[in-house]
Structure formats: structure tokens, C-alpha cells
Amino acid sequence: MLHRDNRIGGRLNADGGKLGGNYGSLKQQQQSIRQQEQADAAANGGHITKTQQQQLNTEENQLNREIRTDQR
């Protein structure tokens, strides 16, 4: 999951000027997802459950859609 998070962060940083003023909000969402992933892993001995992984994927998919929409 961390690799995907890094790619999302890279996209945000590279496209910051094209995000219609929403860069700060999108970056905050990305950081929130990363913090949730870290908290889930810490609570489960360094791993996340399948259910937690599905939730994180759903949130990352939504963030990716928002980035694509705001780039237009």
C-alpha cells in the first residue's frame, strides 16, 4: 500500500498547479489515508487486515478520482 501512497503523493506534487486550488485538501486526504494505514498496522502487529486493506483501497481510489477530476 505504501508504494501506491507514494505514487499518489508524487502525482499531487507534480500536478499541484493544475488542481484548481484543491491541492491542500487533496494532500490532507492523502496524509489522512497514510495515517490510518499506519494506525491499522500498529494495532495489528505491523499488518493490516483484508477488510482494512479494502477500505484503504476504496479511499485511495476516491482520492485518485478527485485528482483526475481536478486536473481538468
C-alpha atoms as a PDB file:
ATOM      1  CA  MET A   1       0.000   0.000   0.000  1.00  0.00           C
ATOM      2  CA  LEU A   2       2.866   2.353   0.713  1.00  0.00           C
ATOM      3  CA  HIS A   3       4.042   2.277  -2.906  1.00  0.00           C
ATOM      4  CA  ARG A   4       0.604   3.353  -4.075  1.00  0.00           C
ATOM      5  CA  ASP A   5       0.537   6.097  -1.475  1.00  0.00           C
ATOM      6  CA  ASN A   6       3.913   7.337  -2.710  1.00  0.00           C
ATOM      7  CA  ARG A   7       2.637   7.421  -6.309  1.00  0.00           C
ATOM      8  CA  ILE A   8      -0.430   9.403  -5.247  1.00  0.00           C
ATOM      9  CA  GLY A   9       1.794  11.851  -3.369  1.00  0.00           C
ATOM     10  CA  GLY A  10       4.016  12.204  -6.420  1.00  0.00           C
ATOM     11  CA  ARG A  11       1.025  12.937  -8.627  1.00  0.00           C
ATOM     12  CA  LEU A  12      -0.223  15.546  -6.188  1.00  0.00           C
ATOM     13  CA  ASN A  13       3.154  17.268  -6.035  1.00  0.00           C
ATOM     14  CA  ALA A  14       3.682  17.149  -9.813  1.00  0.00           C
ATOM     15  CA  ASP A  15       0.179  18.399 -10.607  1.00  0.00           C
ATOM     16  CA  GLY A  16      -0.207  20.893  -7.751  1.00  0.00           C
ATOM     17  CA  GLY A  17      -0.694  23.832 -10.101  1.00  0.00           C
ATOM     18  CA  LYS A  18      -3.408  22.071 -12.085  1.00  0.00           C
ATOM     19  CA  LEU A  19      -5.636  21.116  -9.182  1.00  0.00           C
ATOM     20  CA  GLY A  20      -7.810  24.209  -9.143  1.00  0.00           C
ATOM     21  CA  GLY A  21      -6.836  25.320  -5.661  1.00  0.00           C
ATOM     22  CA  ASN A  22      -7.671  21.942  -4.160  1.00  0.00           C
ATOM     23  CA  TYR A  23      -4.077  20.839  -3.627  1.00  0.00           C
ATOM     24  CA  GLY A  24      -4.140  21.406   0.144  1.00  0.00           C
ATOM     25  CA  SER A  25      -7.356  19.484   0.634  1.00  0.00           C
ATOM     26  CA  LEU A  26      -6.216  16.580  -1.535  1.00  0.00           C
ATOM     27  CA  LYS A  27      -2.833  16.450   0.204  1.00  0.00           C
ATOM     28  CA  GLN A  28      -4.584  16.381   3.570  1.00  0.00           C
ATOM     29  CA  GLN A  29      -6.761  13.469   2.404  1.00  0.00           C
ATOM     30  CA  GLN A  30      -3.662  11.593   1.288  1.00  0.00           C
ATOM     31  CA  GLN A  31      -1.975  12.154   4.656  1.00  0.00           C
ATOM     32  CA  SER A  32      -5.108  11.031   6.476  1.00  0.00           C
ATOM     33  CA  ILE A  33      -5.168   7.774   4.497  1.00  0.00           C
ATOM     34  CA  ARG A  34      -1.479   7.171   5.279  1.00  0.00           C
ATOM     35  CA  GLN A  35      -2.036   7.839   8.993  1.00  0.00           C
ATOM     36  CA  GLN A  36      -4.992   5.447   9.040  1.00  0.00           C
ATOM     37  CA  GLU A  37      -2.916   2.750   7.368  1.00  0.00           C
ATOM     38  CA  GLN A  38      -0.130   3.217   9.916  1.00  0.00           C
ATOM     39  CA  ALA A  39      -2.585   3.126  12.828  1.00  0.00           C
ATOM     40  CA  ASP A  40      -4.243  -0.036  11.483  1.00  0.00           C
ATOM     41  CA  ALA A  41      -0.879  -1.732  11.061  1.00  0.00           C
ATOM     42  CA  ALA A  42       0.269  -0.700  14.540  1.00  0.00           C
ATOM     43  CA  ALA A  43      -2.908  -2.134  16.045  1.00  0.00           C
ATOM     44  CA  ASN A  44      -2.391  -5.460  14.256  1.00  0.00           C
ATOM     45  CA  GLY A  45       1.253  -6.216  14.871  1.00  0.00           C
ATOM     46  CA  GLY A  46       2.547  -4.471  11.747  1.00  0.00           C
ATOM     47  CA  HIS A  47      -0.062  -5.841   9.326  1.00  0.00           C
ATOM     48  CA  ILE A  48      -3.408  -4.689   8.013  1.00  0.00           C
ATOM     49  CA  THR A  49      -6.378  -6.997   7.619  1.00  0.00           C
ATOM     50  CA  LYS A  50      -8.091  -7.686   4.292  1.00  0.00           C
ATOM     51  CA  THR A  51     -11.046  -5.587   5.407  1.00  0.00           C
ATOM     52  CA  GLN A  52      -8.773  -2.677   6.320  1.00  0.00           C
ATOM     53  CA  GLN A  53      -6.940  -3.053   3.002  1.00  0.00           C
ATOM     54  CA  GLN A  54     -10.241  -2.913   1.108  1.00  0.00           C
ATOM     55  CA  GLN A  55     -11.246   0.252   2.980  1.00  0.00           C
ATOM     56  CA  LEU A  56      -7.892   1.905   2.284  1.00  0.00           C
ATOM     57  CA  ASN A  57      -8.145   0.937  -1.404  1.00  0.00           C
ATOM     58  CA  THR A  58     -11.617   2.463  -1.580  1.00  0.00           C
ATOM     59  CA  GLU A  59     -10.333   5.712  -0.063  1.00  0.00           C
ATOM     60  CA  GLU A  60      -7.289   5.802  -2.377  1.00  0.00           C
ATOM     61  CA  ASN A  61      -9.495   5.131  -5.417  1.00  0.00           C
ATOM     62  CA  GLN A  62     -11.721   8.055  -4.436  1.00  0.00           C
ATOM     63  CA  LEU A  63      -8.699  10.314  -3.965  1.00  0.00           C
ATOM     64  CA  ASN A  64      -7.341   9.304  -7.385  1.00  0.00           C
ATOM     65  CA  ARG A  65     -10.717  10.139  -8.969  1.00  0.00           C
ATOM     66  CA  GLU A  66     -10.694  13.549  -7.281  1.00  0.00           C
ATOM     67  CA  ILE A  67      -7.170  14.254  -8.546  1.00  0.00           C
ATOM     68  CA  ARG A  68      -8.125  13.310 -12.105  1.00  0.00           C
ATOM     69  CA  THR A  69     -11.302  15.414 -11.949  1.00  0.00           C
ATOM     70  CA  ASP A  70      -9.486  18.463 -10.578  1.00  0.00           C
ATOM     71  CA  GLN A  71      -6.760  18.276 -13.236  1.00  0.00           C
ATOM     72  CA  ARG A  72      -9.250  19.142 -15.948  1.00  0.00           C
END
